[in-house]
PDB file of all heavy atoms in Angstrom:
ATOM      1  N   CYS A   1     107.985 101.344 130.119  1.00  0.00           N
ATOM      2  CA  CYS A   1     106.563 101.516 130.440  1.00  0.00           C
ATOM      3  C   CYS A   1     105.965 100.246 131.049  1.00  0.00           C
ATOM      4  O   CYS A   1     106.236  99.134 130.581  1.00  0.00           O
ATOM      5  CB  CYS A   1     105.772 101.854 129.177  1.00  0.00           C
ATOM      6  SG  CYS A   1     106.237 103.405 128.411  1.00  0.00           S
ATOM      7  N   PRO A   2     105.123 100.406 132.083  1.00  0.00           N
ATOM      8  CA  PRO A   2     104.391  99.248 132.614  1.00  0.00           C
ATOM      9  C   PRO A   2     103.226  98.933 131.665  1.00  0.00           C
ATOM     10  O   PRO A   2     102.387  99.788 131.394  1.00  0.00           O
ATOM     11  CB  PRO A   2     103.899  99.721 133.979  1.00  0.00           C
ATOM     12  CG  PRO A   2     103.875 101.211 133.885  1.00  0.00           C
ATOM     13  CD  PRO A   2     104.911 101.606 132.865  1.00  0.00           C
ATOM     14  N   LEU A   3     103.197  97.721 131.154  1.00  0.00           N
ATOM     15  CA  LEU A   3     102.181  97.325 130.174  1.00  0.00           C
ATOM     16  C   LEU A   3     101.198  96.345 130.793  1.00  0.00           C
ATOM     17  O   LEU A   3     101.572  95.499 131.597  1.00  0.00           O
ATOM     18  CB  LEU A   3     102.842  96.648 128.966  1.00  0.00           C
ATOM     19  CG  LEU A   3     103.962  97.409 128.255  1.00  0.00           C
ATOM     20  CD1 LEU A   3     104.573  96.537 127.177  1.00  0.00           C
ATOM     21  CD2 LEU A   3     103.433  98.713 127.678  1.00  0.00           C
ATOM     22  N   THR A   4      99.963  96.464 130.367  1.00  0.00           N
ATOM     23  CA  THR A   4      98.932  95.486 130.709  1.00  0.00           C
ATOM     24  C   THR A   4      98.458  94.872 129.408  1.00  0.00           C
ATOM     25  O   THR A   4      98.077  95.584 128.475  1.00  0.00           O
ATOM     26  CB  THR A   4      97.751  96.149 131.449  1.00  0.00           C
ATOM     27  OG1 THR A   4      98.249  96.768 132.642  1.00  0.00           O
ATOM     28  CG2 THR A   4      96.688  95.124 131.812  1.00  0.00           C
ATOM     29  N   VAL A   5      98.511  93.540 129.352  1.00  0.00           N
ATOM     30  CA  VAL A   5      98.084  92.818 128.149  1.00  0.00           C
ATOM     31  C   VAL A   5      96.871  91.990 128.509  1.00  0.00           C
ATOM     32  O   VAL A   5      96.914  91.165 129.414  1.00  0.00           O
ATOM     33  CB  VAL A   5      99.209  91.903 127.613  1.00  0.00           C
ATOM     34  CG1 VAL A   5      98.765  91.216 126.328  1.00  0.00           C
ATOM     35  CG2 VAL A   5     100.492  92.686 127.405  1.00  0.00           C
ATOM     36  N   ARG A   6      95.765  92.240 127.807  1.00  0.00           N
ATOM     37  CA  ARG A   6      94.536  91.483 127.990  1.00  0.00           C
ATOM     38  C   ARG A   6      94.328  90.603 126.760  1.00  0.00           C
ATOM     39  O   ARG A   6      94.340  91.105 125.643  1.00  0.00           O
ATOM     40  CB  ARG A   6      93.352  92.418 128.185  1.00  0.00           C
ATOM     41  CG  ARG A   6      93.349  93.152 129.499  1.00  0.00           C
ATOM     42  CD  ARG A   6      92.231  94.212 129.520  1.00  0.00           C
ATOM     43  NE  ARG A   6      91.986  94.856 130.777  1.00  0.00           N
ATOM     44  CZ  ARG A   6      92.854  95.526 131.517  1.00  0.00           C
ATOM     45  NH1 ARG A   6      94.093  95.606 131.142  1.00  0.00           N
ATOM     46  NH2 ARG A   6      92.510  96.113 132.655  1.00  0.00           N
ATOM     47  N   MET A   7      94.157  89.288 127.021  1.00  0.00           N
ATOM     48  CA  MET A   7      94.000  88.341 125.920  1.00  0.00           C
ATOM     49  C   MET A   7      92.702  87.576 126.089  1.00  0.00           C
ATOM     50  O   MET A   7      92.431  87.032 127.164  1.00  0.00           O
ATOM     51  CB  MET A   7      95.171  87.357 125.907  1.00  0.00           C
ATOM     52  CG  MET A   7      96.514  88.019 125.709  1.00  0.00           C
ATOM     53  SD  MET A   7      97.887  86.886 125.969  1.00  0.00           S
ATOM     54  CE  MET A   7      97.854  86.705 127.732  1.00  0.00           C
ATOM     55  N   GLU A   8      91.931  87.575 125.035  1.00  0.00           N
ATOM     56  CA  GLU A   8      90.698  86.788 125.012  1.00  0.00           C
ATOM     57  C   GLU A   8      90.572  86.189 123.623  1.00  0.00           C
ATOM     58  O   GLU A   8      90.319  86.907 122.657  1.00  0.00           O
ATOM     59  CB  GLU A   8      89.485  87.657 125.346  1.00  0.00           C
ATOM     60  CG  GLU A   8      88.232  86.835 125.566  1.00  0.00           C
ATOM     61  CD  GLU A   8      87.128  87.617 126.264  1.00  0.00           C
ATOM     62  OE1 GLU A   8      87.355  88.753 126.696  1.00  0.00           O
ATOM     63  OE2 GLU A   8      86.045  87.052 126.343  1.00  0.00           O
ATOM     64  N   GLY A   9      90.822  84.877 123.541  1.00  0.00           N
ATOM     65  CA  GLY A   9      90.818  84.208 122.246  1.00  0.00           C
ATOM     66  C   GLY A   9      91.930  84.768 121.378  1.00  0.00           C
ATOM     67  O   GLY A   9      93.079  84.815 121.773  1.00  0.00           O
ATOM     68  N   GLU A  10      91.581  85.221 120.192  1.00  0.00           N
ATOM     69  CA  GLU A  10      92.548  85.797 119.250  1.00  0.00           C
ATOM     70  C   GLU A  10      92.785  87.284 119.496  1.00  0.00           C
ATOM     71  O   GLU A  10      93.675  87.876 118.898  1.00  0.00           O
ATOM     72  CB  GLU A  10      92.036  85.593 117.809  1.00  0.00           C
ATOM     73  CG  GLU A  10      91.883  84.149 117.398  1.00  0.00           C
ATOM     74  CD  GLU A  10      93.214  83.470 117.166  1.00  0.00           C
ATOM     75  OE1 GLU A  10      94.099  84.083 116.536  1.00  0.00           O
ATOM     76  OE2 GLU A  10      93.373  82.316 117.622  1.00  0.00           O
ATOM     77  N   GLN A  11      91.971  87.879 120.350  1.00  0.00           N
ATOM     78  CA  GLN A  11      92.058  89.320 120.608  1.00  0.00           C
ATOM     79  C   GLN A  11      93.117  89.628 121.657  1.00  0.00           C
ATOM     80  O   GLN A  11      93.133  89.021 122.728  1.00  0.00           O
ATOM     81  CB  GLN A  11      90.707  89.864 121.087  1.00  0.00           C
ATOM     82  CG  GLN A  11      89.590  89.739 120.067  1.00  0.00           C
ATOM     83  CD  GLN A  11      89.812  90.644 118.865  1.00  0.00           C
ATOM     84  OE1 GLN A  11      90.421  91.698 118.962  1.00  0.00           O
ATOM     85  NE2 GLN A  11      89.307  90.213 117.720  1.00  0.00           N
ATOM     86  N   ILE A  12      93.982  90.584 121.348  1.00  0.00           N
ATOM     87  CA  ILE A  12      95.006  91.042 122.289  1.00  0.00           C
ATOM     88  C   ILE A  12      94.897  92.559 122.380  1.00  0.00           C
ATOM     89  O   ILE A  12      94.940  93.251 121.366  1.00  0.00           O
ATOM     90  CB  ILE A  12      96.417  90.645 121.838  1.00  0.00           C
ATOM     91  CG1 ILE A  12      96.538  89.130 121.791  1.00  0.00           C
ATOM     92  CG2 ILE A  12      97.472  91.245 122.763  1.00  0.00           C
ATOM     93  CD1 ILE A  12      97.855  88.633 121.249  1.00  0.00           C
ATOM     94  N   GLU A  13      94.768  93.038 123.604  1.00  0.00           N
ATOM     95  CA  GLU A  13      94.686  94.472 123.849  1.00  0.00           C
ATOM     96  C   GLU A  13      95.841  94.864 124.769  1.00  0.00           C
ATOM     97  O   GLU A  13      96.038  94.266 125.825  1.00  0.00           O
ATOM     98  CB  GLU A  13      93.361  94.825 124.511  1.00  0.00           C
ATOM     99  CG  GLU A  13      93.205  96.284 124.848  1.00  0.00           C
ATOM    100  CD  GLU A  13      91.947  96.531 125.663  1.00  0.00           C
ATOM    101  OE1 GLU A  13      90.876  96.040 125.262  1.00  0.00           O
ATOM    102  OE2 GLU A  13      92.069  97.205 126.704  1.00  0.00           O
ATOM    103  N   VAL A  14      96.624  95.870 124.353  1.00  0.00           N
ATOM    104  CA  VAL A  14      97.773  96.336 125.125  1.00  0.00           C
ATOM    105  C   VAL A  14      97.489  97.751 125.595  1.00  0.00           C
ATOM    106  O   VAL A  14      97.061  98.604 124.818  1.00  0.00           O
ATOM    107  CB  VAL A  14      99.060  96.312 124.274  1.00  0.00           C
ATOM    108  CG1 VAL A  14     100.254  96.828 125.078  1.00  0.00           C
ATOM    109  CG2 VAL A  14      99.327  94.918 123.741  1.00  0.00           C
ATOM    110  N   SER A  15      97.744  98.006 126.877  1.00  0.00           N
ATOM    111  CA  SER A  15      97.610  99.367 127.396  1.00  0.00           C
ATOM    112  C   SER A  15      98.828  99.699 128.251  1.00  0.00           C
ATOM    113  O   SER A  15      99.533  98.813 128.706  1.00  0.00           O
ATOM    114  CB  SER A  15      96.326  99.513 128.214  1.00  0.00           C
ATOM    115  OG  SER A  15      96.325  98.626 129.313  1.00  0.00           O
ATOM    116  N   GLY A  16      99.064 100.988 128.441  1.00  0.00           N
ATOM    117  CA  GLY A  16     100.189 101.454 129.244  1.00  0.00           C
ATOM    118  C   GLY A  16     101.386 101.871 128.415  1.00  0.00           C
ATOM    119  O   GLY A  16     102.296 102.524 128.914  1.00  0.00           O
ATOM    120  N   ASN A  17     101.411 101.492 127.136  1.00  0.00           N
ATOM    121  CA  ASN A  17     102.540 101.847 126.282  1.00  0.00           C
ATOM    122  C   ASN A  17     102.428 103.300 125.823  1.00  0.00           C
ATOM    123  O   ASN A  17     101.328 103.805 125.615  1.00  0.00           O
ATOM    124  CB  ASN A  17     102.627 100.918 125.067  1.00  0.00           C
ATOM    125  CG  ASN A  17     101.356 100.885 124.251  1.00  0.00           C
ATOM    126  OD1 ASN A  17     100.298 100.570 124.792  1.00  0.00           O
ATOM    127  ND2 ASN A  17     101.449 101.190 122.971  1.00  0.00           N
ATOM    128  N   THR A  18     103.586 103.950 125.683  1.00  0.00           N
ATOM    129  CA  THR A  18     103.590 105.325 125.188  1.00  0.00           C
ATOM    130  C   THR A  18     104.028 105.406 123.731  1.00  0.00           C
ATOM    131  O   THR A  18     104.029 106.490 123.153  1.00  0.00           O
ATOM    132  CB  THR A  18     104.518 106.224 126.051  1.00  0.00           C
ATOM    133  OG1 THR A  18     105.821 105.655 126.053  1.00  0.00           O
ATOM    134  CG2 THR A  18     103.992 106.345 127.468  1.00  0.00           C
ATOM    135  N   CYS A  19     104.427 104.259 123.161  1.00  0.00           N
ATOM    136  CA  CYS A  19     104.802 104.244 121.748  1.00  0.00           C
ATOM    137  C   CYS A  19     104.432 102.895 121.125  1.00  0.00           C
ATOM    138  O   CYS A  19     104.091 101.951 121.828  1.00  0.00           O
ATOM    139  CB  CYS A  19     106.305 104.532 121.569  1.00  0.00           C
ATOM    140  SG  CYS A  19     107.414 103.255 122.194  1.00  0.00           S
ATOM    141  N   LYS A  20     104.517 102.830 119.811  1.00  0.00           N
ATOM    142  CA  LYS A  20     104.164 101.624 119.062  1.00  0.00           C
ATOM    143  C   LYS A  20     105.078 100.448 119.424  1.00  0.00           C
ATOM    144  O   LYS A  20     104.648  99.294 119.439  1.00  0.00           O
ATOM    145  CB  LYS A  20     104.248 101.930 117.564  1.00  0.00           C
ATOM    146  CG  LYS A  20     103.994 100.748 116.653  1.00  0.00           C
ATOM    147  CD  LYS A  20     102.535 100.423 116.522  1.00  0.00           C
ATOM    148  CE  LYS A  20     102.307  99.432 115.408  1.00  0.00           C
ATOM    149  NZ  LYS A  20     101.771  98.171 115.852  1.00  0.00           N
ATOM    150  N   ARG A  21     106.330 100.748 119.776  1.00  0.00           N
ATOM    151  CA  ARG A  21     107.255  99.665 120.137  1.00  0.00           C
ATOM    152  C   ARG A  21     106.743  98.890 121.343  1.00  0.00           C
ATOM    153  O   ARG A  21     106.945  97.681 121.444  1.00  0.00           O
ATOM    154  CB  ARG A  21     108.648 100.224 120.408  1.00  0.00           C
ATOM    155  CG  ARG A  21     109.368 100.625 119.127  1.00  0.00           C
ATOM    156  CD  ARG A  21     110.756 101.110 119.416  1.00  0.00           C
ATOM    157  NE  ARG A  21     110.670 102.442 120.015  1.00  0.00           N
ATOM    158  CZ  ARG A  21     111.701 103.190 120.344  1.00  0.00           C
ATOM    159  NH1 ARG A  21     112.919 102.735 120.173  1.00  0.00           N
ATOM    160  NH2 ARG A  21     111.529 104.387 120.863  1.00  0.00           N
ATOM    161  N   GLY A  22     106.088  99.560 122.271  1.00  0.00           N
ATOM    162  CA  GLY A  22     105.550  98.891 123.450  1.00  0.00           C
ATOM    163  C   GLY A  22     104.474  97.890 123.083  1.00  0.00           C
ATOM    164  O   GLY A  22     104.442  96.774 123.601  1.00  0.00           O
ATOM    165  N   GLU A  23     103.593  98.285 122.190  1.00  0.00           N
ATOM    166  CA  GLU A  23     102.543  97.375 121.735  1.00  0.00           C
ATOM    167  C   GLU A  23     103.145  96.174 121.006  1.00  0.00           C
ATOM    168  O   GLU A  23     102.771  95.026 121.253  1.00  0.00           O
ATOM    169  CB  GLU A  23     101.559  98.110 120.823  1.00  0.00           C
ATOM    170  CG  GLU A  23     100.429  97.238 120.328  1.00  0.00           C
ATOM    171  CD  GLU A  23      99.437  97.970 119.444  1.00  0.00           C
ATOM    172  OE1 GLU A  23      99.594  99.174 119.205  1.00  0.00           O
ATOM    173  OE2 GLU A  23      98.487  97.305 118.993  1.00  0.00           O
ATOM    174  N   ASP A  24     104.106  96.443 120.122  1.00  0.00           N
ATOM    175  CA  ASP A  24     104.763  95.366 119.375  1.00  0.00           C
ATOM    176  C   ASP A  24     105.477  94.400 120.321  1.00  0.00           C
ATOM    177  O   ASP A  24     105.376  93.186 120.173  1.00  0.00           O
ATOM    178  CB  ASP A  24     105.754  95.935 118.363  1.00  0.00           C
ATOM    179  CG  ASP A  24     105.076  96.729 117.252  1.00  0.00           C
ATOM    180  OD1 ASP A  24     103.849  96.580 117.063  1.00  0.00           O
ATOM    181  OD2 ASP A  24     105.785  97.502 116.581  1.00  0.00           O
ATOM    182  N   TYR A  25     106.212  94.943 121.295  1.00  0.00           N
ATOM    183  CA  TYR A  25     106.930  94.118 122.260  1.00  0.00           C
ATOM    184  C   TYR A  25     105.963  93.227 123.042  1.00  0.00           C
ATOM    185  O   TYR A  25     106.185  92.027 123.193  1.00  0.00           O
ATOM    186  CB  TYR A  25     107.734  94.985 123.233  1.00  0.00           C
ATOM    187  CG  TYR A  25     108.204  94.214 124.435  1.00  0.00           C
ATOM    188  CD1 TYR A  25     109.252  93.303 124.343  1.00  0.00           C
ATOM    189  CD2 TYR A  25     107.568  94.348 125.664  1.00  0.00           C
ATOM    190  CE1 TYR A  25     109.659  92.565 125.438  1.00  0.00           C
ATOM    191  CE2 TYR A  25     107.967  93.610 126.773  1.00  0.00           C
ATOM    192  CZ  TYR A  25     109.004  92.727 126.648  1.00  0.00           C
ATOM    193  OH  TYR A  25     109.400  91.984 127.735  1.00  0.00           O
ATOM    194  N   ALA A  26     104.875  93.807 123.540  1.00  0.00           N
ATOM    195  CA  ALA A  26     103.920  93.053 124.354  1.00  0.00           C
ATOM    196  C   ALA A  26     103.295  91.911 123.562  1.00  0.00           C
ATOM    197  O   ALA A  26     103.193  90.780 124.062  1.00  0.00           O
ATOM    198  CB  ALA A  26     102.840  93.986 124.889  1.00  0.00           C
ATOM    199  N   LYS A  27     102.899  92.174 122.337  1.00  0.00           N
ATOM    200  CA  LYS A  27     102.287  91.125 121.511  1.00  0.00           C
ATOM    201  C   LYS A  27     103.285  90.002 121.234  1.00  0.00           C
ATOM    202  O   LYS A  27     102.951  88.824 121.333  1.00  0.00           O
ATOM    203  CB  LYS A  27     101.750  91.717 120.214  1.00  0.00           C
ATOM    204  CG  LYS A  27     100.490  92.532 120.424  1.00  0.00           C
ATOM    205  CD  LYS A  27      99.970  93.117 119.136  1.00  0.00           C
ATOM    206  CE  LYS A  27      98.683  93.897 119.384  1.00  0.00           C
ATOM    207  NZ  LYS A  27      98.159  94.502 118.153  1.00  0.00           N
ATOM    208  N   LYS A  28     104.524  90.371 120.896  1.00  0.00           N
ATOM    209  CA  LYS A  28     105.534  89.348 120.633  1.00  0.00           C
ATOM    210  C   LYS A  28     105.818  88.547 121.902  1.00  0.00           C
ATOM    211  O   LYS A  28     105.955  87.325 121.852  1.00  0.00           O
ATOM    212  CB  LYS A  28     106.820  89.995 120.128  1.00  0.00           C
ATOM    213  CG  LYS A  28     107.887  88.982 119.797  1.00  0.00           C
ATOM    214  CD  LYS A  28     109.143  89.636 119.260  1.00  0.00           C
ATOM    215  CE  LYS A  28     110.186  88.571 119.001  1.00  0.00           C
ATOM    216  NZ  LYS A  28     111.472  89.117 118.667  1.00  0.00           N
ATOM    217  N   GLU A  29     105.894  89.213 123.044  1.00  0.00           N
ATOM    218  CA  GLU A  29     106.231  88.534 124.297  1.00  0.00           C
ATOM    219  C   GLU A  29     105.159  87.536 124.714  1.00  0.00           C
ATOM    220  O   GLU A  29     105.480  86.468 125.238  1.00  0.00           O
ATOM    221  CB  GLU A  29     106.463  89.563 125.409  1.00  0.00           C
ATOM    222  CG  GLU A  29     106.888  88.976 126.729  1.00  0.00           C
ATOM    223  CD  GLU A  29     108.223  88.244 126.692  1.00  0.00           C
ATOM    224  OE1 GLU A  29     109.027  88.443 125.774  1.00  0.00           O
ATOM    225  OE2 GLU A  29     108.447  87.445 127.617  1.00  0.00           O
ATOM    226  N   VAL A  30     103.894  87.828 124.477  1.00  0.00           N
ATOM    227  CA  VAL A  30     102.851  86.885 124.887  1.00  0.00           C
ATOM    228  C   VAL A  30     102.599  85.805 123.835  1.00  0.00           C
ATOM    229  O   VAL A  30     102.184  84.706 124.180  1.00  0.00           O
ATOM    230  CB  VAL A  30     101.517  87.594 125.269  1.00  0.00           C
ATOM    231  CG1 VAL A  30     101.727  88.509 126.451  1.00  0.00           C
ATOM    232  CG2 VAL A  30     100.902  88.317 124.112  1.00  0.00           C
ATOM    233  N   LEU A  31     102.861  86.106 122.560  1.00  0.00           N
ATOM    234  CA  LEU A  31     102.603  85.123 121.507  1.00  0.00           C
ATOM    235  C   LEU A  31     103.828  84.276 121.166  1.00  0.00           C
ATOM    236  O   LEU A  31     103.722  83.068 120.974  1.00  0.00           O
ATOM    237  CB  LEU A  31     102.103  85.824 120.242  1.00  0.00           C
ATOM    238  CG  LEU A  31     100.756  86.527 120.362  1.00  0.00           C
ATOM    239  CD1 LEU A  31     100.439  87.284 119.078  1.00  0.00           C
ATOM    240  CD2 LEU A  31      99.655  85.528 120.678  1.00  0.00           C
ATOM    241  N   HIS A  32     104.990  84.907 121.055  1.00  0.00           N
ATOM    242  CA  HIS A  32     106.212  84.217 120.625  1.00  0.00           C
ATOM    243  C   HIS A  32     107.409  84.774 121.393  1.00  0.00           C
ATOM    244  O   HIS A  32     108.243  85.478 120.817  1.00  0.00           O
ATOM    245  CB  HIS A  32     106.445  84.403 119.121  1.00  0.00           C
ATOM    246  CG  HIS A  32     105.287  84.013 118.274  1.00  0.00           C
ATOM    247  ND1 HIS A  32     104.932  82.701 118.072  1.00  0.00           N
ATOM    248  CD2 HIS A  32     104.374  84.749 117.603  1.00  0.00           C
ATOM    249  CE1 HIS A  32     103.857  82.660 117.298  1.00  0.00           C
ATOM    250  NE2 HIS A  32     103.499  83.886 117.010  1.00  0.00           N
ATOM    251  N   PRO A  33     107.531  84.461 122.685  1.00  0.00           N
ATOM    252  CA  PRO A  33     108.644  85.003 123.463  1.00  0.00           C
ATOM    253  C   PRO A  33     109.990  84.520 122.919  1.00  0.00           C
ATOM    254  O   PRO A  33     110.135  83.356 122.545  1.00  0.00           O
ATOM    255  CB  PRO A  33     108.392  84.493 124.876  1.00  0.00           C
ATOM    256  CG  PRO A  33     107.477  83.329 124.722  1.00  0.00           C
ATOM    257  CD  PRO A  33     106.690  83.559 123.470  1.00  0.00           C
ATOM    258  N   ALA A  34     110.948  85.441 122.852  1.00  0.00           N
ATOM    259  CA  ALA A  34     112.277  85.126 122.327  1.00  0.00           C
ATOM    260  C   ALA A  34     113.320  85.882 123.133  1.00  0.00           C
ATOM    261  O   ALA A  34     113.026  86.914 123.740  1.00  0.00           O
ATOM    262  CB  ALA A  34     112.350  85.494 120.853  1.00  0.00           C
ATOM    263  N   ARG A  35     114.544  85.365 123.134  1.00  0.00           N
ATOM    264  CA  ARG A  35     115.634  85.968 123.877  1.00  0.00           C
ATOM    265  C   ARG A  35     116.930  85.886 123.082  1.00  0.00           C
ATOM    266  O   ARG A  35     117.129  84.959 122.301  1.00  0.00           O
ATOM    267  CB  ARG A  35     115.870  85.250 125.218  1.00  0.00           C
ATOM    268  CG  ARG A  35     114.694  85.245 126.165  1.00  0.00           C
ATOM    269  CD  ARG A  35     114.409  86.629 126.711  1.00  0.00           C
ATOM    270  NE  ARG A  35     113.339  86.621 127.689  1.00  0.00           N
ATOM    271  CZ  ARG A  35     112.053  86.812 127.411  1.00  0.00           C
ATOM    272  NH1 ARG A  35     111.668  87.006 126.160  1.00  0.00           N
ATOM    273  NH2 ARG A  35     111.151  86.803 128.374  1.00  0.00           N
ATOM    274  N   THR A  36     117.816  86.840 123.307  1.00  0.00           N
ATOM    275  CA  THR A  36     119.183  86.754 122.824  1.00  0.00           C
ATOM    276  C   THR A  36     119.972  86.041 123.916  1.00  0.00           C
ATOM    277  O   THR A  36     119.826  86.358 125.096  1.00  0.00           O
ATOM    278  CB  THR A  36     119.764  88.155 122.575  1.00  0.00           C
ATOM    279  OG1 THR A  36     118.983  88.807 121.575  1.00  0.00           O
ATOM    280  CG2 THR A  36     121.214  88.081 122.124  1.00  0.00           C
ATOM    281  N   VAL A  37     120.784  85.068 123.526  1.00  0.00           N
ATOM    282  CA  VAL A  37     121.548  84.280 124.486  1.00  0.00           C
ATOM    283  C   VAL A  37     123.017  84.699 124.407  1.00  0.00           C
ATOM    284  O   VAL A  37     123.570  84.846 123.314  1.00  0.00           O
ATOM    285  CB  VAL A  37     121.410  82.772 124.188  1.00  0.00           C
ATOM    286  CG1 VAL A  37     122.326  81.941 125.073  1.00  0.00           C
ATOM    287  CG2 VAL A  37     119.960  82.340 124.358  1.00  0.00           C
TER     288      VAL A  37
END
């Protein structure tokens, strides 16, 4: 899914996701990005 993440201060709004995993992924990616190496 194409996601749009809007951040203002502590507020994070995610749109475009069709499931809860999309919201969780977007928040983690903007706050604490991580990768498997």
